[in-house]
Amino acid sequence: RRERVETTLDTYLAAIEARPQVYRFLMHPAEGAPTEQGFDVGKH
């Protein structure tokens, strides 16, 4: 169980580390550019 817990945590962290731009687009979509009209960051 302990190994599976660590592997699961590592899987998540490895995914966001491998594609940080995708992660930032999904979780911080307004960073680095004006929010486009009609796009509610929190809603999505």
PDB file of all heavy atoms in Angstrom:
ATOM      1  N   ARG A   1       0.812  -1.208   0.000  1.00  0.00           N
ATOM      2  CA  ARG A   1       0.000   0.000   0.000  1.00  0.00           C
ATOM      3  C   ARG A   1       0.852   1.268   0.000  1.00  0.00           C
ATOM      4  O   ARG A   1       0.581   2.205  -0.757  1.00  0.00           O
ATOM      5  CB  ARG A   1      -0.953   0.005   1.204  1.00  0.00           C
ATOM      6  CG  ARG A   1      -1.915   1.174   1.184  1.00  0.00           C
ATOM      7  CD  ARG A   1      -2.824   1.187   2.392  1.00  0.00           C
ATOM      8  NE  ARG A   1      -3.707   0.016   2.427  1.00  0.00           N
ATOM      9  CZ  ARG A   1      -4.581  -0.221   3.405  1.00  0.00           C
ATOM     10  NH1 ARG A   1      -4.670   0.612   4.431  1.00  0.00           N
ATOM     11  NH2 ARG A   1      -5.345  -1.291   3.362  1.00  0.00           N
ATOM     12  N   ARG A   2       1.881   1.329   0.839  1.00  0.00           N
ATOM     13  CA  ARG A   2       2.708   2.533   0.896  1.00  0.00           C
ATOM     14  C   ARG A   2       3.348   2.820  -0.474  1.00  0.00           C
ATOM     15  O   ARG A   2       3.381   3.971  -0.929  1.00  0.00           O
ATOM     16  CB  ARG A   2       3.792   2.368   1.962  1.00  0.00           C
ATOM     17  CG  ARG A   2       4.875   3.452   1.975  1.00  0.00           C
ATOM     18  CD  ARG A   2       4.376   4.763   2.521  1.00  0.00           C
ATOM     19  NE  ARG A   2       5.362   5.825   2.358  1.00  0.00           N
ATOM     20  CZ  ARG A   2       5.597   6.785   3.237  1.00  0.00           C
ATOM     21  NH1 ARG A   2       4.902   6.836   4.371  1.00  0.00           N
ATOM     22  NH2 ARG A   2       6.491   7.726   3.021  1.00  0.00           N
ATOM     23  N   GLU A   3       3.812   1.780  -1.126  1.00  0.00           N
ATOM     24  CA  GLU A   3       4.432   1.972  -2.434  1.00  0.00           C
ATOM     25  C   GLU A   3       3.410   2.473  -3.451  1.00  0.00           C
ATOM     26  O   GLU A   3       3.714   3.334  -4.283  1.00  0.00           O
ATOM     27  CB  GLU A   3       5.067   0.671  -2.925  1.00  0.00           C
ATOM     28  CG  GLU A   3       5.818   0.813  -4.239  1.00  0.00           C
ATOM     29  CD  GLU A   3       6.451  -0.484  -4.710  1.00  0.00           C
ATOM     30  OE1 GLU A   3       6.533  -1.440  -3.899  1.00  0.00           O
ATOM     31  OE2 GLU A   3       6.848  -0.546  -5.889  1.00  0.00           O
ATOM     32  N   ARG A   4       2.179   1.946  -3.380  1.00  0.00           N
ATOM     33  CA  ARG A   4       1.148   2.408  -4.313  1.00  0.00           C
ATOM     34  C   ARG A   4       0.780   3.857  -4.054  1.00  0.00           C
ATOM     35  O   ARG A   4       0.534   4.623  -4.988  1.00  0.00           O
ATOM     36  CB  ARG A   4      -0.093   1.512  -4.227  1.00  0.00           C
ATOM     37  CG  ARG A   4       0.074   0.187  -4.926  1.00  0.00           C
ATOM     38  CD  ARG A   4      -1.267  -0.431  -5.273  1.00  0.00           C
ATOM     39  NE  ARG A   4      -2.152  -0.542  -4.131  1.00  0.00           N
ATOM     40  CZ  ARG A   4      -2.115  -1.522  -3.246  1.00  0.00           C
ATOM     41  NH1 ARG A   4      -1.222  -2.496  -3.370  1.00  0.00           N
ATOM     42  NH2 ARG A   4      -2.954  -1.563  -2.234  1.00  0.00           N
ATOM     43  N   VAL A   5       0.738   4.255  -2.787  1.00  0.00           N
ATOM     44  CA  VAL A   5       0.453   5.655  -2.457  1.00  0.00           C
ATOM     45  C   VAL A   5       1.530   6.556  -3.053  1.00  0.00           C
ATOM     46  O   VAL A   5       1.232   7.571  -3.702  1.00  0.00           O
ATOM     47  CB  VAL A   5       0.369   5.850  -0.929  1.00  0.00           C
ATOM     48  CG1 VAL A   5       0.347   7.337  -0.562  1.00  0.00           C
ATOM     49  CG2 VAL A   5      -0.877   5.158  -0.371  1.00  0.00           C
ATOM     50  N   GLU A   6       2.788   6.177  -2.861  1.00  0.00           N
ATOM     51  CA  GLU A   6       3.881   6.996  -3.388  1.00  0.00           C
ATOM     52  C   GLU A   6       3.867   7.008  -4.918  1.00  0.00           C
ATOM     53  O   GLU A   6       4.097   8.056  -5.538  1.00  0.00           O
ATOM     54  CB  GLU A   6       5.223   6.488  -2.865  1.00  0.00           C
ATOM     55  CG  GLU A   6       5.412   6.716  -1.374  1.00  0.00           C
ATOM     56  CD  GLU A   6       6.839   6.448  -0.913  1.00  0.00           C
ATOM     57  OE1 GLU A   6       7.689   6.091  -1.755  1.00  0.00           O
ATOM     58  OE2 GLU A   6       7.108   6.607   0.288  1.00  0.00           O
ATOM     59  N   THR A   7       3.589   5.865  -5.522  1.00  0.00           N
ATOM     60  CA  THR A   7       3.548   5.798  -6.984  1.00  0.00           C
ATOM     61  C   THR A   7       2.431   6.668  -7.546  1.00  0.00           C
ATOM     62  O   THR A   7       2.593   7.336  -8.575  1.00  0.00           O
ATOM     63  CB  THR A   7       3.366   4.344  -7.458  1.00  0.00           C
ATOM     64  OG1 THR A   7       4.468   3.557  -6.992  1.00  0.00           O
ATOM     65  CG2 THR A   7       3.308   4.260  -8.974  1.00  0.00           C
ATOM     66  N   THR A   8       1.284   6.680  -6.861  1.00  0.00           N
ATOM     67  CA  THR A   8       0.164   7.498  -7.317  1.00  0.00           C
ATOM     68  C   THR A   8       0.495   8.981  -7.222  1.00  0.00           C
ATOM     69  O   THR A   8       0.237   9.757  -8.157  1.00  0.00           O
ATOM     70  CB  THR A   8      -1.100   7.179  -6.503  1.00  0.00           C
ATOM     71  OG1 THR A   8      -1.389   5.774  -6.618  1.00  0.00           O
ATOM     72  CG2 THR A   8      -2.288   7.978  -7.004  1.00  0.00           C
ATOM     73  N   LEU A   9       1.078   9.390  -6.102  1.00  0.00           N
ATOM     74  CA  LEU A   9       1.505  10.786  -5.960  1.00  0.00           C
ATOM     75  C   LEU A   9       2.530  11.148  -7.029  1.00  0.00           C
ATOM     76  O   LEU A   9       2.457  12.211  -7.656  1.00  0.00           O
ATOM     77  CB  LEU A   9       2.095  11.016  -4.571  1.00  0.00           C
ATOM     78  CG  LEU A   9       1.132  10.942  -3.386  1.00  0.00           C
ATOM     79  CD1 LEU A   9       1.904  10.888  -2.073  1.00  0.00           C
ATOM     80  CD2 LEU A   9       0.182  12.140  -3.389  1.00  0.00           C
ATOM     81  N   ASP A  10       3.477  10.248  -7.249  1.00  0.00           N
ATOM     82  CA  ASP A  10       4.530  10.520  -8.222  1.00  0.00           C
ATOM     83  C   ASP A  10       3.965  10.587  -9.641  1.00  0.00           C
ATOM     84  O   ASP A  10       4.432  11.383 -10.470  1.00  0.00           O
ATOM     85  CB  ASP A  10       5.607   9.436  -8.145  1.00  0.00           C
ATOM     86  CG  ASP A  10       6.815   9.768  -8.995  1.00  0.00           C
ATOM     87  OD1 ASP A  10       7.474  10.789  -8.711  1.00  0.00           O
ATOM     88  OD2 ASP A  10       7.099   9.026  -9.951  1.00  0.00           O
ATOM     89  N   THR A  11       2.967   9.778  -9.930  1.00  0.00           N
ATOM     90  CA  THR A  11       2.348   9.797 -11.255  1.00  0.00           C
ATOM     91  C   THR A  11       1.743  11.164 -11.545  1.00  0.00           C
ATOM     92  O   THR A  11       1.898  11.713 -12.643  1.00  0.00           O
ATOM     93  CB  THR A  11       1.266   8.710 -11.356  1.00  0.00           C
ATOM     94  OG1 THR A  11       1.885   7.423 -11.217  1.00  0.00           O
ATOM     95  CG2 THR A  11       0.531   8.775 -12.685  1.00  0.00           C
ATOM     96  N   TYR A  12       1.051  11.731 -10.558  1.00  0.00           N
ATOM     97  CA  TYR A  12       0.461  13.057 -10.743  1.00  0.00           C
ATOM     98  C   TYR A  12       1.546  14.113 -10.942  1.00  0.00           C
ATOM     99  O   TYR A  12       1.487  14.916 -11.886  1.00  0.00           O
ATOM    100  CB  TYR A  12      -0.408  13.420  -9.538  1.00  0.00           C
ATOM    101  CG  TYR A  12      -0.908  14.847  -9.585  1.00  0.00           C
ATOM    102  CD1 TYR A  12      -2.016  15.175 -10.364  1.00  0.00           C
ATOM    103  CD2 TYR A  12      -0.269  15.863  -8.889  1.00  0.00           C
ATOM    104  CE1 TYR A  12      -2.474  16.483 -10.438  1.00  0.00           C
ATOM    105  CE2 TYR A  12      -0.715  17.174  -8.955  1.00  0.00           C
ATOM    106  CZ  TYR A  12      -1.815  17.477  -9.731  1.00  0.00           C
ATOM    107  OH  TYR A  12      -2.251  18.776  -9.807  1.00  0.00           O
ATOM    108  N   LEU A  13       2.550  14.101 -10.080  1.00  0.00           N
ATOM    109  CA  LEU A  13       3.610  15.113 -10.159  1.00  0.00           C
ATOM    110  C   LEU A  13       4.420  14.966 -11.444  1.00  0.00           C
ATOM    111  O   LEU A  13       4.808  15.962 -12.059  1.00  0.00           O
ATOM    112  CB  LEU A  13       4.516  15.015  -8.938  1.00  0.00           C
ATOM    113  CG  LEU A  13       3.854  15.366  -7.604  1.00  0.00           C
ATOM    114  CD1 LEU A  13       4.773  15.012  -6.451  1.00  0.00           C
ATOM    115  CD2 LEU A  13       3.475  16.846  -7.554  1.00  0.00           C
ATOM    116  N   ALA A  14       4.677  13.733 -11.850  1.00  0.00           N
ATOM    117  CA  ALA A  14       5.416  13.500 -13.097  1.00  0.00           C
ATOM    118  C   ALA A  14       4.633  14.042 -14.295  1.00  0.00           C
ATOM    119  O   ALA A  14       5.218  14.582 -15.248  1.00  0.00           O
ATOM    120  CB  ALA A  14       5.706  12.015 -13.281  1.00  0.00           C
ATOM    121  N   ALA A  15       3.305  13.919 -14.261  1.00  0.00           N
ATOM    122  CA  ALA A  15       2.478  14.393 -15.377  1.00  0.00           C
ATOM    123  C   ALA A  15       2.541  15.904 -15.506  1.00  0.00           C
ATOM    124  O   ALA A  15       2.681  16.440 -16.617  1.00  0.00           O
ATOM    125  CB  ALA A  15       1.034  13.935 -15.190  1.00  0.00           C
ATOM    126  N   ILE A  16       2.447  16.628 -14.391  1.00  0.00           N
ATOM    127  CA  ILE A  16       2.483  18.087 -14.499  1.00  0.00           C
ATOM    128  C   ILE A  16       3.905  18.578 -14.779  1.00  0.00           C
ATOM    129  O   ILE A  16       4.092  19.621 -15.410  1.00  0.00           O
ATOM    130  CB  ILE A  16       1.887  18.777 -13.252  1.00  0.00           C
ATOM    131  CG1 ILE A  16       2.742  18.564 -11.997  1.00  0.00           C
ATOM    132  CG2 ILE A  16       0.459  18.301 -13.020  1.00  0.00           C
ATOM    133  CD1 ILE A  16       2.272  19.394 -10.807  1.00  0.00           C
ATOM    134  N   GLU A  17       4.905  17.811 -14.341  1.00  0.00           N
ATOM    135  CA  GLU A  17       6.290  18.189 -14.618  1.00  0.00           C
ATOM    136  C   GLU A  17       6.616  17.981 -16.099  1.00  0.00           C
ATOM    137  O   GLU A  17       7.351  18.779 -16.697  1.00  0.00           O
ATOM    138  CB  GLU A  17       7.245  17.374 -13.753  1.00  0.00           C
ATOM    139  CG  GLU A  17       8.712  17.754 -13.948  1.00  0.00           C
ATOM    140  CD  GLU A  17       9.647  16.926 -13.083  1.00  0.00           C
ATOM    141  OE1 GLU A  17       9.359  15.730 -12.866  1.00  0.00           O
ATOM    142  OE2 GLU A  17      10.656  17.482 -12.627  1.00  0.00           O
ATOM    143  N   ALA A  18       6.084  16.930 -16.687  1.00  0.00           N
ATOM    144  CA  ALA A  18       6.395  16.603 -18.080  1.00  0.00           C
ATOM    145  C   ALA A  18       5.797  17.616 -19.050  1.00  0.00           C
ATOM    146  O   ALA A  18       6.370  17.896 -20.104  1.00  0.00           O
ATOM    147  CB  ALA A  18       5.899  15.198 -18.415  1.00  0.00           C
ATOM    148  N   ARG A  19       4.615  18.168 -18.690  1.00  0.00           N
ATOM    149  CA  ARG A  19       3.945  19.105 -19.596  1.00  0.00           C
ATOM    150  C   ARG A  19       3.479  20.326 -18.807  1.00  0.00           C
ATOM    151  O   ARG A  19       2.284  20.582 -18.657  1.00  0.00           O
ATOM    152  CB  ARG A  19       2.761  18.422 -20.282  1.00  0.00           C
ATOM    153  CG  ARG A  19       3.107  17.104 -20.961  1.00  0.00           C
ATOM    154  CD  ARG A  19       1.971  16.558 -21.785  1.00  0.00           C
ATOM    155  NE  ARG A  19       1.957  17.137 -23.119  1.00  0.00           N
ATOM    156  CZ  ARG A  19       0.939  16.987 -23.978  1.00  0.00           C
ATOM    157  NH1 ARG A  19      -0.119  16.274 -23.645  1.00  0.00           N
ATOM    158  NH2 ARG A  19       0.982  17.536 -25.174  1.00  0.00           N
ATOM    159  N   PRO A  20       4.445  21.116 -18.301  1.00  0.00           N
ATOM    160  CA  PRO A  20       4.077  22.258 -17.456  1.00  0.00           C
ATOM    161  C   PRO A  20       3.228  23.295 -18.169  1.00  0.00           C
ATOM    162  O   PRO A  20       2.367  23.936 -17.542  1.00  0.00           O
ATOM    163  CB  PRO A  20       5.426  22.839 -17.024  1.00  0.00           C
ATOM    164  CG  PRO A  20       6.407  22.362 -18.036  1.00  0.00           C
ATOM    165  CD  PRO A  20       5.911  21.015 -18.459  1.00  0.00           C
ATOM    166  N   GLN A  21       3.439  23.483 -19.475  1.00  0.00           N
ATOM    167  CA  GLN A  21       2.642  24.468 -20.195  1.00  0.00           C
ATOM    168  C   GLN A  21       1.176  24.038 -20.280  1.00  0.00           C
ATOM    169  O   GLN A  21       0.268  24.871 -20.172  1.00  0.00           O
ATOM    170  CB  GLN A  21       3.208  24.682 -21.609  1.00  0.00           C
ATOM    171  CG  GLN A  21       4.545  25.401 -21.637  1.00  0.00           C
ATOM    172  CD  GLN A  21       4.411  26.884 -21.340  1.00  0.00           C
ATOM    173  OE1 GLN A  21       3.948  27.281 -20.272  1.00  0.00           O
ATOM    174  NE2 GLN A  21       4.813  27.702 -22.284  1.00  0.00           N
ATOM    175  N   VAL A  22       0.958  22.750 -20.469  1.00  0.00           N
ATOM    176  CA  VAL A  22      -0.415  22.237 -20.486  1.00  0.00           C
ATOM    177  C   VAL A  22      -1.053  22.413 -19.112  1.00  0.00           C
ATOM    178  O   VAL A  22      -2.200  22.864 -18.981  1.00  0.00           O
ATOM    179  CB  VAL A  22      -0.449  20.757 -20.908  1.00  0.00           C
ATOM    180  CG1 VAL A  22      -1.859  20.175 -20.755  1.00  0.00           C
ATOM    181  CG2 VAL A  22       0.038  20.597 -22.343  1.00  0.00           C
ATOM    182  N   TYR A  23      -0.293  22.083 -18.071  1.00  0.00           N
ATOM    183  CA  TYR A  23      -0.810  22.239 -16.706  1.00  0.00           C
ATOM    184  C   TYR A  23      -1.193  23.698 -16.439  1.00  0.00           C
ATOM    185  O   TYR A  23      -2.267  23.983 -15.907  1.00  0.00           O
ATOM    186  CB  TYR A  23       0.246  21.776 -15.691  1.00  0.00           C
ATOM    187  CG  TYR A  23      -0.124  22.120 -14.276  1.00  0.00           C
ATOM    188  CD1 TYR A  23      -1.042  21.354 -13.567  1.00  0.00           C
ATOM    189  CD2 TYR A  23       0.420  23.244 -13.649  1.00  0.00           C
ATOM    190  CE1 TYR A  23      -1.411  21.687 -12.273  1.00  0.00           C
ATOM    191  CE2 TYR A  23       0.056  23.578 -12.348  1.00  0.00           C
ATOM    192  CZ  TYR A  23      -0.858  22.800 -11.674  1.00  0.00           C
ATOM    193  OH  TYR A  23      -1.233  23.142 -10.390  1.00  0.00           O
ATOM    194  N   ARG A  24      -0.316  24.621 -16.827  1.00  0.00           N
ATOM    195  CA  ARG A  24      -0.593  26.040 -16.564  1.00  0.00           C
ATOM    196  C   ARG A  24      -1.785  26.529 -17.375  1.00  0.00           C
ATOM    197  O   ARG A  24      -2.565  27.362 -16.906  1.00  0.00           O
ATOM    198  CB  ARG A  24       0.652  26.881 -16.858  1.00  0.00           C
ATOM    199  CG  ARG A  24       1.791  26.606 -15.874  1.00  0.00           C
ATOM    200  CD  ARG A  24       2.967  27.544 -16.083  1.00  0.00           C
ATOM    201  NE  ARG A  24       4.022  27.259 -15.111  1.00  0.00           N
ATOM    202  CZ  ARG A  24       5.142  26.609 -15.381  1.00  0.00           C
ATOM    203  NH1 ARG A  24       5.374  26.177 -16.615  1.00  0.00           N
ATOM    204  NH2 ARG A  24       6.035  26.382 -14.442  1.00  0.00           N
ATOM    205  N   PHE A  25      -1.928  26.013 -18.594  1.00  0.00           N
ATOM    206  CA  PHE A  25      -3.091  26.385 -19.403  1.00  0.00           C
ATOM    207  C   PHE A  25      -4.383  25.924 -18.731  1.00  0.00           C
ATOM    208  O   PHE A  25      -5.387  26.642 -18.720  1.00  0.00           O
ATOM    209  CB  PHE A  25      -2.974  25.762 -20.792  1.00  0.00           C
ATOM    210  CG  PHE A  25      -4.184  26.007 -21.667  1.00  0.00           C
ATOM    211  CD1 PHE A  25      -4.326  27.193 -22.356  1.00  0.00           C
ATOM    212  CD2 PHE A  25      -5.167  25.035 -21.791  1.00  0.00           C
ATOM    213  CE1 PHE A  25      -5.444  27.418 -23.164  1.00  0.00           C
ATOM    214  CE2 PHE A  25      -6.285  25.249 -22.595  1.00  0.00           C
ATOM    215  CZ  PHE A  25      -6.415  26.447 -23.283  1.00  0.00           C
ATOM    216  N   LEU A  26      -4.361  24.711 -18.176  1.00  0.00           N
ATOM    217  CA  LEU A  26      -5.573  24.158 -17.561  1.00  0.00           C
ATOM    218  C   LEU A  26      -5.888  24.774 -16.206  1.00  0.00           C
ATOM    219  O   LEU A  26      -7.051  25.015 -15.877  1.00  0.00           O
ATOM    220  CB  LEU A  26      -5.434  22.643 -17.414  1.00  0.00           C
ATOM    221  CG  LEU A  26      -5.367  21.838 -18.712  1.00  0.00           C
ATOM    222  CD1 LEU A  26      -5.146  20.372 -18.413  1.00  0.00           C
ATOM    223  CD2 LEU A  26      -6.624  22.040 -19.538  1.00  0.00           C
ATOM    224  N   MET A  27      -4.859  25.036 -15.404  1.00  0.00           N
ATOM    225  CA  MET A  27      -5.088  25.507 -14.036  1.00  0.00           C
ATOM    226  C   MET A  27      -4.906  27.014 -13.854  1.00  0.00           C
ATOM    227  O   MET A  27      -5.438  27.595 -12.922  1.00  0.00           O
ATOM    228  CB  MET A  27      -4.156  24.763 -13.075  1.00  0.00           C
ATOM    229  CG  MET A  27      -4.495  23.299 -12.950  1.00  0.00           C
ATOM    230  SD  MET A  27      -6.211  23.097 -12.359  1.00  0.00           S
ATOM    231  CE  MET A  27      -6.370  21.318 -12.483  1.00  0.00           C
ATOM    232  N   HIS A  28      -4.161  27.629 -14.749  1.00  0.00           N
ATOM    233  CA  HIS A  28      -3.941  29.077 -14.667  1.00  0.00           C
ATOM    234  C   HIS A  28      -4.099  29.685 -16.056  1.00  0.00           C
ATOM    235  O   HIS A  28      -3.181  30.289 -16.595  1.00  0.00           O
ATOM    236  CB  HIS A  28      -2.545  29.374 -14.123  1.00  0.00           C
ATOM    237  CG  HIS A  28      -2.254  28.754 -12.797  1.00  0.00           C
ATOM    238  ND1 HIS A  28      -2.797  29.219 -11.623  1.00  0.00           N
ATOM    239  CD2 HIS A  28      -1.493  27.673 -12.457  1.00  0.00           C
ATOM    240  CE1 HIS A  28      -2.376  28.465 -10.617  1.00  0.00           C
ATOM    241  NE2 HIS A  28      -1.589  27.523 -11.094  1.00  0.00           N
ATOM    242  N   PRO A  29      -5.273  29.523 -16.669  1.00  0.00           N
ATOM    243  CA  PRO A  29      -5.417  29.882 -18.078  1.00  0.00           C
ATOM    244  C   PRO A  29      -5.229  31.354 -18.387  1.00  0.00           C
ATOM    245  O   PRO A  29      -4.999  31.706 -19.538  1.00  0.00           O
ATOM    246  CB  PRO A  29      -6.831  29.426 -18.431  1.00  0.00           C
ATOM    247  CG  PRO A  29      -7.452  28.929 -17.193  1.00  0.00           C
ATOM    248  CD  PRO A  29      -6.459  28.925 -16.097  1.00  0.00           C
ATOM    249  N   ALA A  30      -5.345  32.240 -17.397  1.00  0.00           N
ATOM    250  CA  ALA A  30      -5.247  33.671 -17.688  1.00  0.00           C
ATOM    251  C   ALA A  30      -3.823  34.199 -17.537  1.00  0.00           C
ATOM    252  O   ALA A  30      -3.565  35.358 -17.821  1.00  0.00           O
ATOM    253  CB  ALA A  30      -6.187  34.458 -16.783  1.00  0.00           C
ATOM    254  N   GLU A  31      -2.888  33.378 -17.077  1.00  0.00           N
ATOM    255  CA  GLU A  31      -1.523  33.854 -16.880  1.00  0.00           C
ATOM    256  C   GLU A  31      -0.891  34.230 -18.207  1.00  0.00           C
ATOM    257  O   GLU A  31      -0.981  33.499 -19.186  1.00  0.00           O
ATOM    258  CB  GLU A  31      -0.664  32.751 -16.237  1.00  0.00           C
ATOM    259  CG  GLU A  31      -0.831  32.642 -14.744  1.00  0.00           C
ATOM    260  CD  GLU A  31       0.123  31.620 -14.149  1.00  0.00           C
ATOM    261  OE1 GLU A  31       0.893  31.006 -14.907  1.00  0.00           O
ATOM    262  OE2 GLU A  31       0.097  31.438 -12.933  1.00  0.00           O
ATOM    263  N   GLY A  32      -0.199  35.341 -18.226  1.00  0.00           N
ATOM    264  CA  GLY A  32       0.597  35.697 -19.389  1.00  0.00           C
ATOM    265  C   GLY A  32      -0.177  36.275 -20.548  1.00  0.00           C
ATOM    266  O   GLY A  32       0.400  36.627 -21.566  1.00  0.00           O
ATOM    267  N   ALA A  33      -1.498  36.384 -20.422  1.00  0.00           N
ATOM    268  CA  ALA A  33      -2.292  36.951 -21.510  1.00  0.00           C
ATOM    269  C   ALA A  33      -3.623  37.422 -20.960  1.00  0.00           C
ATOM    270  O   ALA A  33      -4.132  36.872 -19.978  1.00  0.00           O
ATOM    271  CB  ALA A  33      -2.538  35.901 -22.596  1.00  0.00           C
ATOM    272  N   PRO A  34      -4.214  38.440 -21.568  1.00  0.00           N
ATOM    273  CA  PRO A  34      -5.534  38.894 -21.116  1.00  0.00           C
ATOM    274  C   PRO A  34      -6.562  37.782 -21.268  1.00  0.00           C
ATOM    275  O   PRO A  34      -6.513  37.021 -22.234  1.00  0.00           O
ATOM    276  CB  PRO A  34      -5.856  40.068 -22.065  1.00  0.00           C
ATOM    277  CG  PRO A  34      -4.562  40.436 -22.707  1.00  0.00           C
ATOM    278  CD  PRO A  34      -3.722  39.190 -22.724  1.00  0.00           C
ATOM    279  N   THR A  35      -7.464  37.680 -20.312  1.00  0.00           N
ATOM    280  CA  THR A  35      -8.535  36.684 -20.421  1.00  0.00           C
ATOM    281  C   THR A  35      -9.442  37.043 -21.589  1.00  0.00           C
ATOM    282  O   THR A  35      -9.882  38.172 -21.708  1.00  0.00           O
ATOM    283  CB  THR A  35      -9.357  36.637 -19.121  1.00  0.00           C
ATOM    284  OG1 THR A  35      -8.491  36.313 -18.048  1.00  0.00           O
ATOM    285  CG2 THR A  35     -10.465  35.617 -19.211  1.00  0.00           C
ATOM    286  N   GLU A  36      -9.710  36.089 -22.472  1.00  0.00           N
ATOM    287  CA  GLU A  36     -10.545  36.369 -23.629  1.00  0.00           C
ATOM    288  C   GLU A  36     -11.985  36.575 -23.197  1.00  0.00           C
ATOM    289  O   GLU A  36     -12.468  35.983 -22.236  1.00  0.00           O
ATOM    290  CB  GLU A  36     -10.432  35.226 -24.643  1.00  0.00           C
ATOM    291  CG  GLU A  36      -9.024  35.095 -25.200  1.00  0.00           C
ATOM    292  CD  GLU A  36      -8.944  34.151 -26.382  1.00  0.00           C
ATOM    293  OE1 GLU A  36      -9.964  33.978 -27.078  1.00  0.00           O
ATOM    294  OE2 GLU A  36      -7.864  33.610 -26.618  1.00  0.00           O
ATOM    295  N   GLN A  37     -12.672  37.432 -23.923  1.00  0.00           N
ATOM    296  CA  GLN A  37     -14.031  37.784 -23.567  1.00  0.00           C
ATOM    297  C   GLN A  37     -14.904  36.536 -23.430  1.00  0.00           C
ATOM    298  O   GLN A  37     -14.907  35.661 -24.278  1.00  0.00           O
ATOM    299  CB  GLN A  37     -14.613  38.705 -24.638  1.00  0.00           C
ATOM    300  CG  GLN A  37     -15.999  39.233 -24.269  1.00  0.00           C
ATOM    301  CD  GLN A  37     -16.486  40.245 -25.291  1.00  0.00           C
ATOM    302  OE1 GLN A  37     -15.854  40.427 -26.329  1.00  0.00           O
ATOM    303  NE2 GLN A  37     -17.596  40.895 -25.009  1.00  0.00           N
ATOM    304  N   GLY A  38     -15.640  36.481 -22.339  1.00  0.00           N
ATOM    305  CA  GLY A  38     -16.553  35.375 -22.118  1.00  0.00           C
ATOM    306  C   GLY A  38     -15.929  34.132 -21.514  1.00  0.00           C
ATOM    307  O   GLY A  38     -16.602  33.139 -21.313  1.00  0.00           O
ATOM    308  N   PHE A  39     -14.611  34.187 -21.192  1.00  0.00           N
ATOM    309  CA  PHE A  39     -13.952  33.001 -20.652  1.00  0.00           C
ATOM    310  C   PHE A  39     -13.762  33.155 -19.153  1.00  0.00           C
ATOM    311  O   PHE A  39     -12.986  33.981 -18.697  1.00  0.00           O
ATOM    312  CB  PHE A  39     -12.605  32.789 -21.347  1.00  0.00           C
ATOM    313  CG  PHE A  39     -11.907  31.531 -20.895  1.00  0.00           C
ATOM    314  CD1 PHE A  39     -12.514  30.299 -21.025  1.00  0.00           C
ATOM    315  CD2 PHE A  39     -10.639  31.587 -20.343  1.00  0.00           C
ATOM    316  CE1 PHE A  39     -11.884  29.137 -20.623  1.00  0.00           C
ATOM    317  CE2 PHE A  39      -9.987  30.434 -19.928  1.00  0.00           C
ATOM    318  CZ  PHE A  39     -10.614  29.212 -20.076  1.00  0.00           C
ATOM    319  N   ASP A  40     -14.492  32.380 -18.389  1.00  0.00           N
ATOM    320  CA  ASP A  40     -14.446  32.422 -16.927  1.00  0.00           C
ATOM    321  C   ASP A  40     -13.497  31.336 -16.440  1.00  0.00           C
ATOM    322  O   ASP A  40     -13.805  30.148 -16.490  1.00  0.00           O
ATOM    323  CB  ASP A  40     -15.857  32.188 -16.378  1.00  0.00           C
ATOM    324  CG  ASP A  40     -15.919  32.256 -14.855  1.00  0.00           C
ATOM    325  OD1 ASP A  40     -14.859  32.155 -14.212  1.00  0.00           O
ATOM    326  OD2 ASP A  40     -17.025  32.420 -14.319  1.00  0.00           O
ATOM    327  N   VAL A  41     -12.321  31.749 -15.947  1.00  0.00           N
ATOM    328  CA  VAL A  41     -11.289  30.795 -15.536  1.00  0.00           C
ATOM    329  C   VAL A  41     -11.805  29.833 -14.473  1.00  0.00           C
ATOM    330  O   VAL A  41     -11.691  28.610 -14.588  1.00  0.00           O
ATOM    331  CB  VAL A  41     -10.045  31.554 -15.014  1.00  0.00           C
ATOM    332  CG1 VAL A  41      -9.050  30.569 -14.421  1.00  0.00           C
ATOM    333  CG2 VAL A  41      -9.403  32.355 -16.125  1.00  0.00           C
ATOM    334  N   GLY A  42     -12.374  30.374 -13.403  1.00  0.00           N
ATOM    335  CA  GLY A  42     -12.819  29.533 -12.298  1.00  0.00           C
ATOM    336  C   GLY A  42     -13.900  28.552 -12.698  1.00  0.00           C
ATOM    337  O   GLY A  42     -13.918  27.406 -12.254  1.00  0.00           O
ATOM    338  N   LYS A  43     -14.803  28.991 -13.582  1.00  0.00           N
ATOM    339  CA  LYS A  43     -15.900  28.127 -14.015  1.00  0.00           C
ATOM    340  C   LYS A  43     -15.379  26.862 -14.685  1.00  0.00           C
ATOM    341  O   LYS A  43     -15.965  25.786 -14.556  1.00  0.00           O
ATOM    342  CB  LYS A  43     -16.798  28.903 -14.986  1.00  0.00           C
ATOM    343  CG  LYS A  43     -17.904  28.066 -15.617  1.00  0.00           C
ATOM    344  CD  LYS A  43     -18.677  28.890 -16.624  1.00  0.00           C
ATOM    345  CE  LYS A  43     -19.718  28.037 -17.341  1.00  0.00           C
ATOM    346  NZ  LYS A  43     -20.450  28.812 -18.373  1.00  0.00           N
ATOM    347  N   HIS A  44     -14.243  26.982 -15.379  1.00  0.00           N
ATOM    348  CA  HIS A  44     -13.752  25.853 -16.160  1.00  0.00           C
ATOM    349  C   HIS A  44     -12.667  25.047 -15.459  1.00  0.00           C
ATOM    350  O   HIS A  44     -12.529  23.851 -15.714  1.00  0.00           O
ATOM    351  CB  HIS A  44     -13.254  26.349 -17.515  1.00  0.00           C
ATOM    352  CG  HIS A  44     -14.336  26.907 -18.377  1.00  0.00           C
ATOM    353  ND1 HIS A  44     -15.303  26.130 -18.963  1.00  0.00           N
ATOM    354  CD2 HIS A  44     -14.628  28.180 -18.724  1.00  0.00           C
ATOM    355  CE1 HIS A  44     -16.141  26.892 -19.643  1.00  0.00           C
ATOM    356  NE2 HIS A  44     -15.757  28.136 -19.511  1.00  0.00           N
TER     357      HIS A  44
END
